Amino acid sequence: MSISNTFGYISKHPWTKTARLSAFGRLFHWQLIRRFHTSGIIFDWIDGTRLIVLPGETGVTGNVYCGLHEFTHMAYVLQVCTSDDFFVDVGANVGSYTVLACGARQAKGLCFEPAPGTYQRLRANLGLNDLFATVTALQQGVGDANGTARFTTGLGSVNHIVGNSDQRTDTIDVPVTTLDHALRDEAPTIIKIDVEGYEEKVLASAAETLARPELHSIIAEINGSLRYGDNAEPVLEQLRLHGFEPCRYDPFTRRLTLLDSVDGESGNTLFIKNQDLVRRRLATAKPITWRGLSL
């Protein structure tokens, strides 16, 4: 993210609207110290959790500046998740969502990250937060069949399984599993999916998982990518068949609003199956506090 885009991001971030100067101060401090710490800096985060931050990690540095990079859905995880949950992170990247769910809220977890370098960063963050006893990290992709797939390298947080129209040659072969196969002995309650447009394939062989009564929330990044075809409507149809409805969430009021389709205001869409359970949890959730900010 360019410095001008970063300024815009901080200026519009909902959680720092009453503390813009502090957020910009963290930006300037980070820009200074990152030049002397190229191997990474340990950053104190929510409820005693920590992250290792490297220069150029846009998502993680968003947490440094504003507390929660993907504000709405990270706040949702913190406000809905409890120690009784089983959190599944498909496309975990360096583990920000997993650290929130399983570190700050003590849920059990399973996360998938196929890129070798990113997987090592994920494991480093899990180890930093002492999560290996409750979280399993797999260096695998998730798709519609068990096997292997070509995966891009060198694209950071937007590495992805190579689509039919993708002509990239900087790729590696990665193992791929299905959610139903990986979760055959587990009952997830919350699933986050961030696979750069591959969501339809992830859900295609997840019928048993989606039918589990324990599963109440899915956060899926439906970003309009046409890499694998127009995926928004098939994803919406698959989830509605299993009782999930798209919703918009307001972390300040803890209110859910039903949507007719995917959330056009966000790269992510929240899908909920058991709305009564979720609303009860949100109403009684503990406050989120970080550096003078609170929810």
C-alpha atoms as a PDB file:
ATOM      1  CA  MET A   1       0.000   0.000   0.000  1.00  0.00           C
ATOM      2  CA  SER A   2       1.420   3.402  -0.989  1.00  0.00           C
ATOM      3  CA  ILE A   3       1.879   6.074   1.662  1.00  0.00           C
ATOM      4  CA  SER A   4      -0.983   8.106   0.153  1.00  0.00           C
ATOM      5  CA  ASN A   5      -3.291   5.081   0.279  1.00  0.00           C
ATOM      6  CA  THR A   6      -2.201   4.463   3.864  1.00  0.00           C
ATOM      7  CA  PHE A   7      -3.088   8.054   4.784  1.00  0.00           C
ATOM      8  CA  GLY A   8      -6.510   7.554   3.217  1.00  0.00           C
ATOM      9  CA  TYR A   9      -7.004   4.247   4.996  1.00  0.00           C
ATOM     10  CA  ILE A  10      -6.224   5.756   8.407  1.00  0.00           C
ATOM     11  CA  SER A  11      -8.339   8.855   7.714  1.00  0.00           C
ATOM     12  CA  LYS A  12     -11.400   6.707   6.990  1.00  0.00           C
ATOM     13  CA  HIS A  13     -10.903   3.946   9.560  1.00  0.00           C
ATOM     14  CA  PRO A  14     -14.026   3.742  11.770  1.00  0.00           C
ATOM     15  CA  TRP A  15     -12.273   2.846  15.027  1.00  0.00           C
ATOM     16  CA  THR A  16      -9.730   5.668  14.971  1.00  0.00           C
ATOM     17  CA  LYS A  17     -12.111   8.497  14.053  1.00  0.00           C
ATOM     18  CA  THR A  18     -11.709   9.972  17.554  1.00  0.00           C
ATOM     19  CA  ALA A  19      -7.962   9.277  17.676  1.00  0.00           C
ATOM     20  CA  ARG A  20      -6.583  10.137  14.248  1.00  0.00           C
ATOM     21  CA  LEU A  21      -3.429  11.789  15.605  1.00  0.00           C
ATOM     22  CA  SER A  22      -2.506   8.664  17.562  1.00  0.00           C
ATOM     23  CA  ALA A  23      -3.044   6.492  14.486  1.00  0.00           C
ATOM     24  CA  PHE A  24      -0.887   8.765  12.326  1.00  0.00           C
ATOM     25  CA  GLY A  25       1.697   8.796  15.094  1.00  0.00           C
ATOM     26  CA  ARG A  26       1.873   5.015  14.958  1.00  0.00           C
ATOM     27  CA  LEU A  27       2.270   5.241  11.174  1.00  0.00           C
ATOM     28  CA  PHE A  28       5.220   7.640  11.425  1.00  0.00           C
ATOM     29  CA  HIS A  29       6.780   5.611  14.235  1.00  0.00           C
ATOM     30  CA  TRP A  30       6.485   2.425  12.186  1.00  0.00           C
ATOM     31  CA  GLN A  31       7.940   4.067   9.088  1.00  0.00           C
ATOM     32  CA  LEU A  32      10.935   5.097  11.169  1.00  0.00           C
ATOM     33  CA  ILE A  33      11.672   1.922  13.100  1.00  0.00           C
ATOM     34  CA  ARG A  34      11.024  -0.510  10.237  1.00  0.00           C
ATOM     35  CA  ARG A  35      14.184   0.748   8.532  1.00  0.00           C
ATOM     36  CA  PHE A  36      16.233  -0.630  11.410  1.00  0.00           C
ATOM     37  CA  HIS A  37      14.290  -3.862  12.047  1.00  0.00           C
ATOM     38  CA  THR A  38      14.060  -5.669   8.718  1.00  0.00           C
ATOM     39  CA  SER A  39      13.746  -9.038  10.473  1.00  0.00           C
ATOM     40  CA  GLY A  40      10.465  -8.040  12.117  1.00  0.00           C
ATOM     41  CA  ILE A  41       9.064  -6.224  15.135  1.00  0.00           C
ATOM     42  CA  ILE A  42       6.859  -7.734  17.831  1.00  0.00           C
ATOM     43  CA  PHE A  43       3.658  -5.723  18.145  1.00  0.00           C
ATOM     44  CA  ASP A  44       1.387  -5.807  21.236  1.00  0.00           C
ATOM     45  CA  TRP A  45      -2.193  -6.346  20.132  1.00  0.00           C
ATOM     46  CA  ILE A  46      -5.659  -7.123  21.544  1.00  0.00           C
ATOM     47  CA  ASP A  47      -6.020  -8.731  25.014  1.00  0.00           C
ATOM     48  CA  GLY A  48      -2.374  -9.665  25.402  1.00  0.00           C
ATOM     49  CA  THR A  49      -1.923 -11.119  21.920  1.00  0.00           C
ATOM     50  CA  ARG A  50       1.100 -10.199  19.800  1.00  0.00           C
ATOM     51  CA  LEU A  51       2.079 -10.234  16.142  1.00  0.00           C
ATOM     52  CA  ILE A  52       5.407 -10.182  14.342  1.00  0.00           C
ATOM     53  CA  VAL A  53       5.305  -7.358  11.806  1.00  0.00           C
ATOM     54  CA  LEU A  54       7.538  -7.218   8.742  1.00  0.00           C
ATOM     55  CA  PRO A  55       7.953  -4.267   6.356  1.00  0.00           C
ATOM     56  CA  GLY A  56       5.471  -4.419   3.500  1.00  0.00           C
ATOM     57  CA  GLU A  57       2.831  -6.526   5.269  1.00  0.00           C
ATOM     58  CA  THR A  58      -0.159  -4.324   4.501  1.00  0.00           C
ATOM     59  CA  GLY A  59      -2.735  -6.276   6.477  1.00  0.00           C
ATOM     60  CA  VAL A  60      -0.617  -6.567   9.597  1.00  0.00           C
ATOM     61  CA  THR A  61       0.528  -2.942   9.539  1.00  0.00           C
ATOM     62  CA  GLY A  62      -3.144  -1.937   9.324  1.00  0.00           C
ATOM     63  CA  ASN A  63      -3.490  -3.561  12.740  1.00  0.00           C
ATOM     64  CA  VAL A  64      -0.504  -1.540  13.979  1.00  0.00           C
ATOM     65  CA  TYR A  65      -1.992   1.793  12.881  1.00  0.00           C
ATOM     66  CA  CYS A  66      -5.683   1.266  13.623  1.00  0.00           C
ATOM     67  CA  GLY A  67      -6.018  -1.767  15.887  1.00  0.00           C
ATOM     68  CA  LEU A  68      -8.112  -3.900  13.547  1.00  0.00           C
ATOM     69  CA  HIS A  69      -7.136  -3.866   9.867  1.00  0.00           C
ATOM     70  CA  GLU A  70     -10.416  -5.354   8.620  1.00  0.00           C
ATOM     71  CA  PHE A  71     -12.383  -3.523  11.254  1.00  0.00           C
ATOM     72  CA  THR A  72     -15.929  -4.823  10.871  1.00  0.00           C
ATOM     73  CA  HIS A  73     -15.206  -8.526  10.579  1.00  0.00           C
ATOM     74  CA  MET A  74     -12.269  -8.663  12.964  1.00  0.00           C
ATOM     75  CA  ALA A  75     -14.476  -6.922  15.522  1.00  0.00           C
ATOM     76  CA  TYR A  76     -17.233  -9.423  14.758  1.00  0.00           C
ATOM     77  CA  VAL A  77     -14.901 -12.335  15.498  1.00  0.00           C
ATOM     78  CA  LEU A  78     -13.886 -10.755  18.805  1.00  0.00           C
ATOM     79  CA  GLN A  79     -17.487  -9.992  19.762  1.00  0.00           C
ATOM     80  CA  VAL A  80     -19.073 -13.302  18.768  1.00  0.00           C
ATOM     81  CA  CYS A  81     -16.302 -15.772  19.560  1.00  0.00           C
ATOM     82  CA  THR A  82     -15.932 -17.599  22.896  1.00  0.00           C
ATOM     83  CA  SER A  83     -13.678 -20.278  24.340  1.00  0.00           C
ATOM     84  CA  ASP A  84     -16.301 -22.879  23.346  1.00  0.00           C
ATOM     85  CA  ASP A  85     -15.846 -22.172  19.633  1.00  0.00           C
ATOM     86  CA  PHE A  86     -13.871 -23.976  16.940  1.00  0.00           C
ATOM     87  CA  PHE A  87     -12.532 -21.411  14.475  1.00  0.00           C
ATOM     88  CA  VAL A  88     -11.437 -22.406  10.962  1.00  0.00           C
ATOM     89  CA  ASP A  89      -9.263 -20.023   8.953  1.00  0.00           C
ATOM     90  CA  VAL A  90      -9.024 -20.881   5.235  1.00  0.00           C
ATOM     91  CA  GLY A  91      -6.303 -18.739   3.699  1.00  0.00           C
ATOM     92  CA  ALA A  92      -4.898 -17.731   7.064  1.00  0.00           C
ATOM     93  CA  ASN A  93      -1.983 -15.696   5.708  1.00  0.00           C
ATOM     94  CA  VAL A  94       0.157 -14.774   8.751  1.00  0.00           C
ATOM     95  CA  GLY A  95      -2.668 -15.581  11.166  1.00  0.00           C
ATOM     96  CA  SER A  96      -4.270 -12.298  12.242  1.00  0.00           C
ATOM     97  CA  TYR A  97      -7.813 -13.719  12.427  1.00  0.00           C
ATOM     98  CA  THR A  98      -6.634 -16.922  14.090  1.00  0.00           C
ATOM     99  CA  VAL A  99      -4.727 -14.965  16.730  1.00  0.00           C
ATOM    100  CA  LEU A 100      -7.854 -12.930  17.510  1.00  0.00           C
ATOM    101  CA  ALA A 101     -10.184 -15.942  17.731  1.00  0.00           C
ATOM    102  CA  CYS A 102      -7.820 -18.372  19.429  1.00  0.00           C
ATOM    103  CA  GLY A 103      -5.482 -16.009  21.284  1.00  0.00           C
ATOM    104  CA  ALA A 104      -7.742 -13.163  22.417  1.00  0.00           C
ATOM    105  CA  ARG A 105     -10.863 -15.344  22.766  1.00  0.00           C
ATOM    106  CA  GLN A 106      -9.298 -18.756  23.518  1.00  0.00           C
ATOM    107  CA  ALA A 107     -11.198 -20.709  20.871  1.00  0.00           C
ATOM    108  CA  LYS A 108      -9.730 -23.870  19.395  1.00  0.00           C
ATOM    109  CA  GLY A 109      -8.692 -23.576  15.786  1.00  0.00           C
ATOM    110  CA  LEU A 110      -7.588 -25.017  12.472  1.00  0.00           C
ATOM    111  CA  CYS A 111      -5.915 -22.861   9.818  1.00  0.00           C
ATOM    112  CA  PHE A 112      -4.768 -23.433   6.240  1.00  0.00           C
ATOM    113  CA  GLU A 113      -2.000 -21.561   4.447  1.00  0.00           C
ATOM    114  CA  PRO A 114      -0.341 -23.140   1.378  1.00  0.00           C
ATOM    115  CA  ALA A 115       2.436 -20.608   0.627  1.00  0.00           C
ATOM    116  CA  PRO A 116       5.645 -21.921   2.270  1.00  0.00           C
ATOM    117  CA  GLY A 117       7.045 -18.567   3.369  1.00  0.00           C
ATOM    118  CA  THR A 118       3.698 -17.292   4.606  1.00  0.00           C
ATOM    119  CA  TYR A 119       3.071 -20.578   6.411  1.00  0.00           C
ATOM    120  CA  GLN A 120       6.306 -20.107   8.350  1.00  0.00           C
ATOM    121  CA  ARG A 121       5.163 -16.594   9.280  1.00  0.00           C
ATOM    122  CA  LEU A 122       1.843 -18.064  10.416  1.00  0.00           C
ATOM    123  CA  ARG A 123       3.605 -20.602  12.620  1.00  0.00           C
ATOM    124  CA  ALA A 124       5.811 -17.875  14.079  1.00  0.00           C
ATOM    125  CA  ASN A 125       2.744 -15.881  15.149  1.00  0.00           C
ATOM    126  CA  LEU A 126       1.048 -18.963  16.572  1.00  0.00           C
ATOM    127  CA  GLY A 127       4.191 -19.774  18.550  1.00  0.00           C
ATOM    128  CA  LEU A 128       4.535 -16.204  19.783  1.00  0.00           C
ATOM    129  CA  ASN A 129       1.028 -16.506  21.257  1.00  0.00           C
ATOM    130  CA  ASP A 130       1.531 -20.049  22.661  1.00  0.00           C
ATOM    131  CA  LEU A 131      -1.271 -21.423  20.484  1.00  0.00           C
ATOM    132  CA  PHE A 132       0.142 -24.734  19.274  1.00  0.00           C
ATOM    133  CA  ALA A 133      -1.727 -26.623  22.001  1.00  0.00           C
ATOM    134  CA  THR A 134      -5.102 -25.418  20.706  1.00  0.00           C
ATOM    135  CA  VAL A 135      -4.510 -24.535  17.033  1.00  0.00           C
ATOM    136  CA  THR A 136      -3.478 -26.809  14.164  1.00  0.00           C
ATOM    137  CA  ALA A 137      -1.812 -25.132  11.166  1.00  0.00           C
ATOM    138  CA  LEU A 138      -1.745 -26.984   7.840  1.00  0.00           C
ATOM    139  CA  GLN A 139       0.421 -26.043   4.866  1.00  0.00           C
ATOM    140  CA  GLN A 140      -2.369 -26.840   2.432  1.00  0.00           C
ATOM    141  CA  GLY A 141      -4.812 -25.166   0.123  1.00  0.00           C
ATOM    142  CA  VAL A 142      -8.546 -25.896   0.257  1.00  0.00           C
ATOM    143  CA  GLY A 143     -10.611 -26.632  -2.842  1.00  0.00           C
ATOM    144  CA  ASP A 144     -13.233 -28.907  -4.369  1.00  0.00           C
ATOM    145  CA  ALA A 145     -11.108 -32.079  -4.411  1.00  0.00           C
ATOM    146  CA  ASN A 146      -8.109 -33.615  -2.689  1.00  0.00           C
ATOM    147  CA  GLY A 147      -4.912 -33.404  -4.719  1.00  0.00           C
ATOM    148  CA  THR A 148      -2.505 -30.670  -5.764  1.00  0.00           C
ATOM    149  CA  ALA A 149      -2.781 -27.283  -7.448  1.00  0.00           C
ATOM    150  CA  ARG A 150      -0.493 -24.617  -8.829  1.00  0.00           C
ATOM    151  CA  PHE A 151      -0.061 -21.672  -6.469  1.00  0.00           C
ATOM    152  CA  THR A 152       1.539 -18.300  -7.183  1.00  0.00           C
ATOM    153  CA  THR A 153       4.625 -17.078  -5.365  1.00  0.00           C
ATOM    154  CA  GLY A 154       5.928 -13.600  -4.700  1.00  0.00           C
ATOM    155  CA  LEU A 155       2.531 -11.880  -4.425  1.00  0.00           C
ATOM    156  CA  GLY A 156       2.386 -11.668  -0.647  1.00  0.00           C
ATOM    157  CA  SER A 157      -1.123 -11.597   0.768  1.00  0.00           C
ATOM    158  CA  VAL A 158      -2.697 -12.023  -2.701  1.00  0.00           C
ATOM    159  CA  ASN A 159      -0.972 -15.287  -3.653  1.00  0.00           C
ATOM    160  CA  HIS A 160      -3.607 -17.627  -5.056  1.00  0.00           C
ATOM    161  CA  ILE A 161      -4.347 -20.890  -6.788  1.00  0.00           C
ATOM    162  CA  VAL A 162      -3.696 -20.403 -10.488  1.00  0.00           C
ATOM    163  CA  GLY A 163      -6.861 -20.035 -12.562  1.00  0.00           C
ATOM    164  CA  ASN A 164      -7.400 -21.161 -16.144  1.00  0.00           C
ATOM    165  CA  SER A 165      -6.793 -17.658 -17.485  1.00  0.00           C
ATOM    166  CA  ASP A 166      -3.721 -17.001 -15.347  1.00  0.00           C
ATOM    167  CA  GLN A 167      -0.494 -17.028 -17.353  1.00  0.00           C
ATOM    168  CA  ARG A 168       1.899 -16.680 -14.429  1.00  0.00           C
ATOM    169  CA  THR A 169       4.969 -18.888 -14.446  1.00  0.00           C
ATOM    170  CA  ASP A 170       6.244 -18.127 -10.921  1.00  0.00           C
ATOM    171  CA  THR A 171       4.238 -20.924  -9.316  1.00  0.00           C
ATOM    172  CA  ILE A 172       4.690 -23.947  -7.080  1.00  0.00           C
ATOM    173  CA  ASP A 173       2.642 -27.107  -6.571  1.00  0.00           C
ATOM    174  CA  VAL A 174       0.782 -27.194  -3.254  1.00  0.00           C
ATOM    175  CA  PRO A 175      -1.327 -29.920  -1.624  1.00  0.00           C
ATOM    176  CA  VAL A 176      -5.064 -29.264  -1.602  1.00  0.00           C
ATOM    177  CA  THR A 177      -7.742 -30.792   0.607  1.00  0.00           C
ATOM    178  CA  THR A 178     -11.495 -30.308   0.993  1.00  0.00           C
ATOM    179  CA  LEU A 179     -13.158 -28.879   4.071  1.00  0.00           C
ATOM    180  CA  ASP A 180     -15.253 -32.011   4.553  1.00  0.00           C
ATOM    181  CA  HIS A 181     -12.135 -34.186   4.474  1.00  0.00           C
ATOM    182  CA  ALA A 182     -10.114 -31.953   6.785  1.00  0.00           C
ATOM    183  CA  LEU A 183     -12.990 -31.454   9.247  1.00  0.00           C
ATOM    184  CA  ARG A 184     -14.471 -34.935   9.241  1.00  0.00           C
ATOM    185  CA  ASP A 185     -13.930 -35.300  13.018  1.00  0.00           C
ATOM    186  CA  GLU A 186     -14.517 -31.671  13.974  1.00  0.00           C
ATOM    187  CA  ALA A 187     -17.539 -29.381  14.247  1.00  0.00           C
ATOM    188  CA  PRO A 188     -16.537 -25.812  13.373  1.00  0.00           C
ATOM    189  CA  THR A 189     -18.605 -22.906  14.648  1.00  0.00           C
ATOM    190  CA  ILE A 190     -17.005 -20.016  12.712  1.00  0.00           C
ATOM    191  CA  ILE A 191     -15.206 -20.181   9.362  1.00  0.00           C
ATOM    192  CA  LYS A 192     -13.273 -17.369   7.701  1.00  0.00           C
ATOM    193  CA  ILE A 193     -12.404 -17.823   3.999  1.00  0.00           C
ATOM    194  CA  ASP A 194      -9.943 -15.555   2.196  1.00  0.00           C
ATOM    195  CA  VAL A 195      -8.791 -17.308  -0.974  1.00  0.00           C
ATOM    196  CA  GLU A 196      -8.684 -14.547  -3.580  1.00  0.00           C
ATOM    197  CA  GLY A 197     -11.784 -15.549  -5.514  1.00  0.00           C
ATOM    198  CA  TYR A 198     -11.589 -19.323  -4.960  1.00  0.00           C
ATOM    199  CA  GLU A 199     -14.475 -19.361  -2.463  1.00  0.00           C
ATOM    200  CA  GLU A 200     -16.854 -21.279  -4.737  1.00  0.00           C
ATOM    201  CA  LYS A 201     -14.344 -24.137  -5.040  1.00  0.00           C
ATOM    202  CA  VAL A 202     -13.755 -24.167  -1.276  1.00  0.00           C
ATOM    203  CA  LEU A 203     -17.475 -24.506  -0.596  1.00  0.00           C
ATOM    204  CA  ALA A 204     -18.193 -26.974  -3.421  1.00  0.00           C
ATOM    205  CA  SER A 205     -17.054 -29.994  -1.382  1.00  0.00           C
ATOM    206  CA  ALA A 206     -18.104 -28.730   2.035  1.00  0.00           C
ATOM    207  CA  ALA A 207     -21.723 -29.906   2.203  1.00  0.00           C
ATOM    208  CA  GLU A 208     -21.225 -31.890   5.422  1.00  0.00           C
ATOM    209  CA  THR A 209     -19.405 -29.019   7.067  1.00  0.00           C
ATOM    210  CA  LEU A 210     -22.030 -26.453   6.045  1.00  0.00           C
ATOM    211  CA  ALA A 211     -24.829 -28.700   7.329  1.00  0.00           C
ATOM    212  CA  ARG A 212     -23.382 -28.985  10.840  1.00  0.00           C
ATOM    213  CA  PRO A 213     -25.736 -27.304  13.345  1.00  0.00           C
ATOM    214  CA  GLU A 214     -22.801 -25.936  15.333  1.00  0.00           C
ATOM    215  CA  LEU A 215     -21.637 -23.756  12.429  1.00  0.00           C
ATOM    216  CA  HIS A 216     -23.266 -20.340  12.786  1.00  0.00           C
ATOM    217  CA  SER A 217     -20.984 -17.846  11.002  1.00  0.00           C
ATOM    218  CA  ILE A 218     -18.938 -17.680   7.809  1.00  0.00           C
ATOM    219  CA  ILE A 219     -16.855 -14.684   6.773  1.00  0.00           C
ATOM    220  CA  ALA A 220     -15.958 -14.920   3.095  1.00  0.00           C
ATOM    221  CA  GLU A 221     -13.935 -12.509   1.009  1.00  0.00           C
ATOM    222  CA  ILE A 222     -16.002 -12.157  -2.146  1.00  0.00           C
ATOM    223  CA  ASN A 223     -13.950  -9.518  -3.879  1.00  0.00           C
ATOM    224  CA  GLY A 224     -15.288  -9.640  -7.409  1.00  0.00           C
ATOM    225  CA  SER A 225     -12.284 -11.502  -8.800  1.00  0.00           C
ATOM    226  CA  LEU A 226     -13.033 -13.114 -12.155  1.00  0.00           C
ATOM    227  CA  ARG A 227      -9.967 -15.328 -11.940  1.00  0.00           C
ATOM    228  CA  TYR A 228     -12.120 -18.463 -11.608  1.00  0.00           C
ATOM    229  CA  GLY A 229     -15.363 -17.139 -13.064  1.00  0.00           C
ATOM    230  CA  ASP A 230     -18.099 -14.935 -11.600  1.00  0.00           C
ATOM    231  CA  ASN A 231     -18.147 -16.431  -8.122  1.00  0.00           C
ATOM    232  CA  ALA A 232     -20.485 -14.199  -6.081  1.00  0.00           C
ATOM    233  CA  GLU A 233     -23.865 -15.695  -7.004  1.00  0.00           C
ATOM    234  CA  PRO A 234     -22.791 -19.375  -6.831  1.00  0.00           C
ATOM    235  CA  VAL A 235     -21.297 -18.741  -3.377  1.00  0.00           C
ATOM    236  CA  LEU A 236     -24.471 -17.016  -2.239  1.00  0.00           C
ATOM    237  CA  GLU A 237     -26.587 -19.877  -3.585  1.00  0.00           C
ATOM    238  CA  GLN A 238     -24.456 -22.543  -1.928  1.00  0.00           C
ATOM    239  CA  LEU A 239     -24.629 -20.860   1.451  1.00  0.00           C
ATOM    240  CA  ARG A 240     -28.354 -20.127   1.290  1.00  0.00           C
ATOM    241  CA  LEU A 241     -29.037 -23.795   0.568  1.00  0.00           C
ATOM    242  CA  HIS A 242     -27.608 -24.471   4.022  1.00  0.00           C
ATOM    243  CA  GLY A 243     -29.528 -21.715   5.788  1.00  0.00           C
ATOM    244  CA  PHE A 244     -26.915 -18.945   5.737  1.00  0.00           C
ATOM    245  CA  GLU A 245     -28.009 -15.399   4.985  1.00  0.00           C
ATOM    246  CA  PRO A 246     -25.728 -12.464   4.101  1.00  0.00           C
ATOM    247  CA  CYS A 247     -25.588  -9.789   6.764  1.00  0.00           C
ATOM    248  CA  ARG A 248     -23.938  -6.456   7.466  1.00  0.00           C
ATOM    249  CA  TYR A 249     -22.573  -5.881  10.956  1.00  0.00           C
ATOM    250  CA  ASP A 250     -22.051  -2.716  13.002  1.00  0.00           C
ATOM    251  CA  PRO A 251     -19.448  -3.335  15.744  1.00  0.00           C
ATOM    252  CA  PHE A 252     -20.382  -0.122  17.590  1.00  0.00           C
ATOM    253  CA  THR A 253     -24.068  -1.013  18.051  1.00  0.00           C
ATOM    254  CA  ARG A 254     -23.529  -4.798  17.690  1.00  0.00           C
ATOM    255  CA  ARG A 255     -26.438  -4.914  15.251  1.00  0.00           C
ATOM    256  CA  LEU A 256     -26.910  -7.223  12.279  1.00  0.00           C
ATOM    257  CA  THR A 257     -28.742  -6.172   9.122  1.00  0.00           C
ATOM    258  CA  LEU A 258     -29.898  -8.743   6.580  1.00  0.00           C
ATOM    259  CA  LEU A 259     -28.750  -8.144   3.004  1.00  0.00           C
ATOM    260  CA  ASP A 260     -30.270  -9.224  -0.293  1.00  0.00           C
ATOM    261  CA  SER A 261     -26.873 -10.197  -1.701  1.00  0.00           C
ATOM    262  CA  VAL A 262     -23.185  -9.986  -0.870  1.00  0.00           C
ATOM    263  CA  ASP A 263     -21.906  -6.911   0.952  1.00  0.00           C
ATOM    264  CA  GLY A 264     -20.991  -4.381  -1.702  1.00  0.00           C
ATOM    265  CA  GLU A 265     -19.408  -2.017   0.840  1.00  0.00           C
ATOM    266  CA  SER A 266     -16.779  -4.477   1.998  1.00  0.00           C
ATOM    267  CA  GLY A 267     -14.451  -7.021   0.462  1.00  0.00           C
ATOM    268  CA  ASN A 268     -15.860  -9.511   2.974  1.00  0.00           C
ATOM    269  CA  THR A 269     -19.406 -10.709   3.507  1.00  0.00           C
ATOM    270  CA  LEU A 270     -20.703 -12.139   6.759  1.00  0.00           C
ATOM    271  CA  PHE A 271     -23.083 -15.108   6.422  1.00  0.00           C
ATOM    272  CA  ILE A 272     -25.084 -16.222   9.459  1.00  0.00           C
ATOM    273  CA  LYS A 273     -27.207 -19.322   9.999  1.00  0.00           C
ATOM    274  CA  ASN A 274     -28.353 -19.175  13.636  1.00  0.00           C
ATOM    275  CA  GLN A 275     -29.203 -15.516  14.045  1.00  0.00           C
ATOM    276  CA  ASP A 276     -30.825 -15.837  17.470  1.00  0.00           C
ATOM    277  CA  LEU A 277     -27.695 -17.457  18.917  1.00  0.00           C
ATOM    278  CA  VAL A 278     -25.444 -14.882  17.307  1.00  0.00           C
ATOM    279  CA  ARG A 279     -27.523 -11.933  18.512  1.00  0.00           C
ATOM    280  CA  ARG A 280     -27.461 -13.265  22.076  1.00  0.00           C
ATOM    281  CA  ARG A 281     -23.691 -13.640  21.945  1.00  0.00           C
ATOM    282  CA  LEU A 282     -23.181 -10.168  20.545  1.00  0.00           C
ATOM    283  CA  ALA A 283     -25.408  -8.628  23.211  1.00  0.00           C
ATOM    284  CA  THR A 284     -23.314 -10.116  26.026  1.00  0.00           C
ATOM    285  CA  ALA A 285     -19.838  -9.916  24.473  1.00  0.00           C
ATOM    286  CA  LYS A 286     -17.013  -8.467  26.562  1.00  0.00           C
ATOM    287  CA  PRO A 287     -15.690  -5.036  25.509  1.00  0.00           C
ATOM    288  CA  ILE A 288     -12.766  -4.730  23.120  1.00  0.00           C
ATOM    289  CA  THR A 289     -10.112  -2.264  24.243  1.00  0.00           C
ATOM    290  CA  TRP A 290      -6.813  -1.237  22.665  1.00  0.00           C
ATOM    291  CA  ARG A 291      -4.685   1.863  23.244  1.00  0.00           C
ATOM    292  CA  GLY A 292      -7.528   4.053  24.420  1.00  0.00           C
ATOM    293  CA  LEU A 293     -10.035   2.756  21.882  1.00  0.00           C
ATOM    294  CA  SER A 294     -12.996   0.637  22.909  1.00  0.00           C
ATOM    295  CA  LEU A 295     -16.017  -1.176  21.480  1.00  0.00           C
END
